């Protein structure tokens, strides 16, 4: 499985400050919180925007999407796995 690299355009402390100590689909950069249904839906929407996904390697995007899908199942949130922006 891919390792997510630290992004130079992002401050991980911002995500923690904004959302607290929650699970993130990208825990390296504290992006895409997946701790509740609203955050899960938002994370799925954002990672499927081309400009957001472009900040990651293809295998990193897959890992982030897999984490979001797993959280969605855990929280009984229905999301479309074929969603593409």
N, C-alpha and C. Protein backbone atom coordinates (compact mmCIF):
# COMPACT_ATOMS: atom_id res chain seq x y z
N UNK A 1 0.85 -1.18 0.00
CA UNK A 1 0.00 0.00 0.00
C UNK A 1 0.89 1.24 0.00
N UNK A 2 0.42 2.26 -0.64
CA UNK A 2 1.18 3.50 -0.80
C UNK A 2 1.36 4.23 0.53
N UNK A 3 2.46 4.91 0.60
CA UNK A 3 2.74 5.80 1.73
C UNK A 3 2.39 7.20 1.27
N UNK A 4 1.69 7.94 2.10
CA UNK A 4 1.34 9.31 1.75
C UNK A 4 2.47 10.23 2.21
N UNK A 5 2.93 11.04 1.29
CA UNK A 5 4.03 11.96 1.58
C UNK A 5 3.51 13.26 2.17
N UNK A 6 4.37 13.90 2.92
CA UNK A 6 4.09 15.23 3.49
C UNK A 6 4.04 16.23 2.34
N UNK A 7 2.97 17.02 2.29
CA UNK A 7 2.81 18.03 1.25
C UNK A 7 3.41 19.34 1.73
N UNK A 8 4.17 19.97 0.86
CA UNK A 8 4.80 21.25 1.19
C UNK A 8 3.79 22.40 1.19
N UNK A 9 2.68 22.24 0.50
CA UNK A 9 1.68 23.30 0.39
C UNK A 9 0.65 23.27 1.53
N UNK A 10 0.90 22.47 2.54
CA UNK A 10 -0.08 22.25 3.59
C UNK A 10 0.58 22.25 4.96
N UNK A 11 -0.12 22.78 5.94
CA UNK A 11 0.34 22.74 7.32
C UNK A 11 -0.56 21.77 8.09
N UNK A 12 -0.04 20.60 8.47
CA UNK A 12 -0.87 19.59 9.15
C UNK A 12 -1.49 20.10 10.46
N UNK A 13 -0.85 21.07 11.08
CA UNK A 13 -1.39 21.62 12.33
C UNK A 13 -2.72 22.32 12.11
N UNK A 14 -2.92 22.83 10.91
CA UNK A 14 -4.18 23.51 10.60
C UNK A 14 -5.36 22.55 10.69
N UNK A 15 -5.20 21.36 10.13
CA UNK A 15 -6.27 20.37 10.18
C UNK A 15 -6.60 19.96 11.60
N UNK A 16 -5.57 19.75 12.39
CA UNK A 16 -5.78 19.37 13.79
C UNK A 16 -6.43 20.52 14.56
N UNK A 17 -5.99 21.74 14.29
CA UNK A 17 -6.57 22.92 14.96
C UNK A 17 -8.04 23.08 14.57
N UNK A 18 -8.33 22.85 13.29
CA UNK A 18 -9.68 23.05 12.78
C UNK A 18 -10.65 21.96 13.21
N UNK A 19 -10.19 20.70 13.24
CA UNK A 19 -11.08 19.56 13.50
C UNK A 19 -10.82 18.84 14.82
N UNK A 20 -9.70 19.11 15.44
CA UNK A 20 -9.36 18.42 16.69
C UNK A 20 -8.65 17.11 16.42
N UNK A 21 -8.61 16.29 17.43
CA UNK A 21 -7.93 14.99 17.35
C UNK A 21 -8.89 13.96 16.79
N UNK A 22 -9.05 13.97 15.45
CA UNK A 22 -9.97 13.06 14.77
C UNK A 22 -9.20 12.24 13.75
N UNK A 23 -9.86 11.24 13.20
CA UNK A 23 -9.28 10.44 12.13
C UNK A 23 -9.33 11.23 10.83
N UNK A 24 -8.24 11.15 10.07
CA UNK A 24 -8.16 11.79 8.76
C UNK A 24 -7.86 10.73 7.71
N UNK A 25 -8.43 10.89 6.52
CA UNK A 25 -8.11 9.97 5.42
C UNK A 25 -6.66 10.16 4.99
N UNK A 26 -6.13 11.36 5.16
CA UNK A 26 -4.71 11.65 4.95
C UNK A 26 -4.14 12.09 6.30
N UNK A 27 -3.71 11.12 7.12
CA UNK A 27 -3.22 11.45 8.46
C UNK A 27 -1.85 12.11 8.48
N UNK A 28 -1.12 12.06 7.40
CA UNK A 28 0.20 12.71 7.33
C UNK A 28 0.03 14.22 7.27
N UNK A 29 -0.93 14.66 6.47
CA UNK A 29 -1.16 16.08 6.25
C UNK A 29 -2.41 16.60 6.99
N UNK A 30 -3.07 15.69 7.73
CA UNK A 30 -4.31 16.02 8.45
C UNK A 30 -5.34 16.65 7.52
N UNK A 31 -5.59 15.94 6.42
CA UNK A 31 -6.58 16.37 5.44
C UNK A 31 -7.69 15.32 5.37
N UNK A 32 -8.90 15.75 5.06
CA UNK A 32 -10.04 14.89 4.85
C UNK A 32 -10.46 14.15 6.13
N UNK A 33 -11.03 14.89 7.12
CA UNK A 33 -11.50 14.24 8.34
C UNK A 33 -12.60 13.24 8.03
N UNK A 34 -12.57 12.12 8.71
CA UNK A 34 -13.52 11.03 8.46
C UNK A 34 -14.12 10.52 9.78
N UNK A 35 -14.41 11.44 10.69
CA UNK A 35 -14.88 11.06 12.01
C UNK A 35 -16.40 11.06 12.17
N UNK A 36 -17.12 11.61 11.21
CA UNK A 36 -18.58 11.62 11.30
C UNK A 36 -19.16 11.65 9.88
N UNK A 37 -20.46 11.37 9.74
CA UNK A 37 -21.05 11.28 8.40
C UNK A 37 -20.87 12.54 7.54
N UNK A 38 -21.04 13.72 8.12
CA UNK A 38 -20.87 14.95 7.33
C UNK A 38 -19.44 15.10 6.82
N UNK A 39 -18.47 14.81 7.68
CA UNK A 39 -17.06 14.90 7.26
C UNK A 39 -16.73 13.85 6.21
N UNK A 40 -17.30 12.68 6.35
CA UNK A 40 -17.04 11.60 5.39
C UNK A 40 -17.56 12.01 4.00
N UNK A 41 -18.78 12.52 3.96
CA UNK A 41 -19.35 12.96 2.67
C UNK A 41 -18.51 14.09 2.07
N UNK A 42 -18.10 15.03 2.91
CA UNK A 42 -17.28 16.15 2.42
C UNK A 42 -15.93 15.66 1.93
N UNK A 43 -15.30 14.75 2.68
CA UNK A 43 -14.00 14.21 2.27
C UNK A 43 -14.11 13.54 0.91
N UNK A 44 -15.17 12.76 0.71
CA UNK A 44 -15.37 12.07 -0.57
C UNK A 44 -15.54 13.09 -1.70
N UNK A 45 -16.32 14.12 -1.43
CA UNK A 45 -16.53 15.14 -2.45
C UNK A 45 -15.22 15.85 -2.80
N UNK A 46 -14.46 16.25 -1.79
CA UNK A 46 -13.23 17.00 -2.03
C UNK A 46 -12.16 16.17 -2.73
N UNK A 47 -11.95 14.92 -2.33
CA UNK A 47 -10.88 14.13 -2.96
C UNK A 47 -11.24 13.80 -4.41
N UNK A 48 -12.52 13.89 -4.74
CA UNK A 48 -12.93 13.64 -6.12
C UNK A 48 -12.89 14.89 -6.99
N UNK A 49 -12.48 16.02 -6.45
CA UNK A 49 -12.23 17.21 -7.26
C UNK A 49 -10.85 17.05 -7.87
N UNK A 50 -10.77 17.25 -9.15
CA UNK A 50 -9.51 17.04 -9.88
C UNK A 50 -8.35 17.85 -9.29
N UNK A 51 -8.60 19.10 -8.91
CA UNK A 51 -7.51 19.93 -8.39
C UNK A 51 -7.02 19.43 -7.03
N UNK A 52 -7.89 18.86 -6.22
CA UNK A 52 -7.45 18.30 -4.93
C UNK A 52 -6.68 17.00 -5.13
N UNK A 53 -7.20 16.13 -5.96
CA UNK A 53 -6.54 14.85 -6.23
C UNK A 53 -5.18 15.06 -6.88
N UNK A 54 -5.04 16.12 -7.67
CA UNK A 54 -3.79 16.39 -8.38
C UNK A 54 -2.63 16.69 -7.44
N UNK A 55 -2.91 16.97 -6.19
CA UNK A 55 -1.86 17.26 -5.21
C UNK A 55 -1.21 15.99 -4.66
N UNK A 56 -1.72 14.85 -5.10
CA UNK A 56 -1.24 13.55 -4.64
C UNK A 56 -0.85 12.67 -5.82
N UNK A 57 -0.04 11.68 -5.54
CA UNK A 57 0.25 10.64 -6.53
C UNK A 57 -1.00 9.76 -6.65
N UNK A 58 -1.12 9.07 -7.75
CA UNK A 58 -2.30 8.23 -8.01
C UNK A 58 -2.52 7.19 -6.91
N UNK A 59 -1.45 6.55 -6.46
CA UNK A 59 -1.60 5.54 -5.42
C UNK A 59 -1.97 6.15 -4.06
N UNK A 60 -1.58 7.40 -3.83
CA UNK A 60 -1.97 8.09 -2.60
C UNK A 60 -3.47 8.40 -2.63
N UNK A 61 -3.97 8.81 -3.77
CA UNK A 61 -5.40 9.09 -3.92
C UNK A 61 -6.20 7.82 -3.65
N UNK A 62 -5.73 6.71 -4.18
CA UNK A 62 -6.41 5.44 -3.95
C UNK A 62 -6.46 5.12 -2.46
N UNK A 63 -5.35 5.31 -1.76
CA UNK A 63 -5.30 5.03 -0.33
C UNK A 63 -6.27 5.94 0.43
N UNK A 64 -6.30 7.21 0.08
CA UNK A 64 -7.22 8.16 0.73
C UNK A 64 -8.67 7.74 0.47
N UNK A 65 -8.98 7.42 -0.78
CA UNK A 65 -10.34 6.99 -1.11
C UNK A 65 -10.71 5.70 -0.38
N UNK A 66 -9.78 4.77 -0.27
CA UNK A 66 -10.05 3.53 0.46
C UNK A 66 -10.36 3.81 1.92
N UNK A 67 -9.64 4.74 2.52
CA UNK A 67 -9.89 5.10 3.93
C UNK A 67 -11.26 5.76 4.09
N UNK A 68 -11.61 6.60 3.14
CA UNK A 68 -12.93 7.25 3.21
C UNK A 68 -14.03 6.21 3.05
N UNK A 69 -13.87 5.31 2.10
CA UNK A 69 -14.87 4.25 1.89
C UNK A 69 -15.01 3.38 3.15
N UNK A 70 -13.90 3.06 3.77
CA UNK A 70 -13.94 2.25 4.99
C UNK A 70 -14.69 2.99 6.10
N UNK A 71 -14.41 4.28 6.26
CA UNK A 71 -15.10 5.08 7.27
C UNK A 71 -16.59 5.17 6.94
N UNK A 72 -16.92 5.29 5.67
CA UNK A 72 -18.32 5.36 5.26
C UNK A 72 -19.06 4.09 5.66
N UNK A 73 -18.45 2.94 5.44
CA UNK A 73 -19.08 1.68 5.84
C UNK A 73 -19.25 1.61 7.35
N UNK A 74 -18.22 2.04 8.06
CA UNK A 74 -18.23 2.01 9.52
C UNK A 74 -19.34 2.91 10.09
N UNK A 75 -19.61 4.03 9.43
CA UNK A 75 -20.61 5.00 9.91
C UNK A 75 -21.94 4.90 9.16
N UNK A 76 -22.11 3.83 8.36
CA UNK A 76 -23.33 3.63 7.57
C UNK A 76 -23.66 4.83 6.69
N UNK A 77 -22.63 5.34 6.03
CA UNK A 77 -22.80 6.46 5.10
C UNK A 77 -22.73 5.92 3.68
N UNK A 78 -23.73 6.26 2.89
CA UNK A 78 -23.76 5.79 1.51
C UNK A 78 -23.07 6.82 0.62
N UNK A 79 -22.02 6.38 -0.06
CA UNK A 79 -21.34 7.23 -1.04
C UNK A 79 -21.16 6.43 -2.32
N UNK A 80 -21.14 7.12 -3.42
CA UNK A 80 -21.01 6.48 -4.73
C UNK A 80 -19.54 6.25 -5.04
N UNK A 81 -19.10 4.99 -5.10
CA UNK A 81 -17.68 4.73 -5.37
C UNK A 81 -17.23 5.16 -6.76
N UNK A 82 -18.19 5.43 -7.65
CA UNK A 82 -17.84 5.83 -9.01
C UNK A 82 -17.87 7.34 -9.19
N UNK A 83 -18.01 8.08 -8.10
CA UNK A 83 -18.06 9.55 -8.18
C UNK A 83 -16.75 10.08 -8.76
N UNK A 84 -16.89 10.92 -9.73
CA UNK A 84 -15.74 11.60 -10.33
C UNK A 84 -16.18 13.03 -10.59
N UNK A 85 -15.30 13.96 -10.28
CA UNK A 85 -15.62 15.37 -10.51
C UNK A 85 -15.53 15.68 -11.98
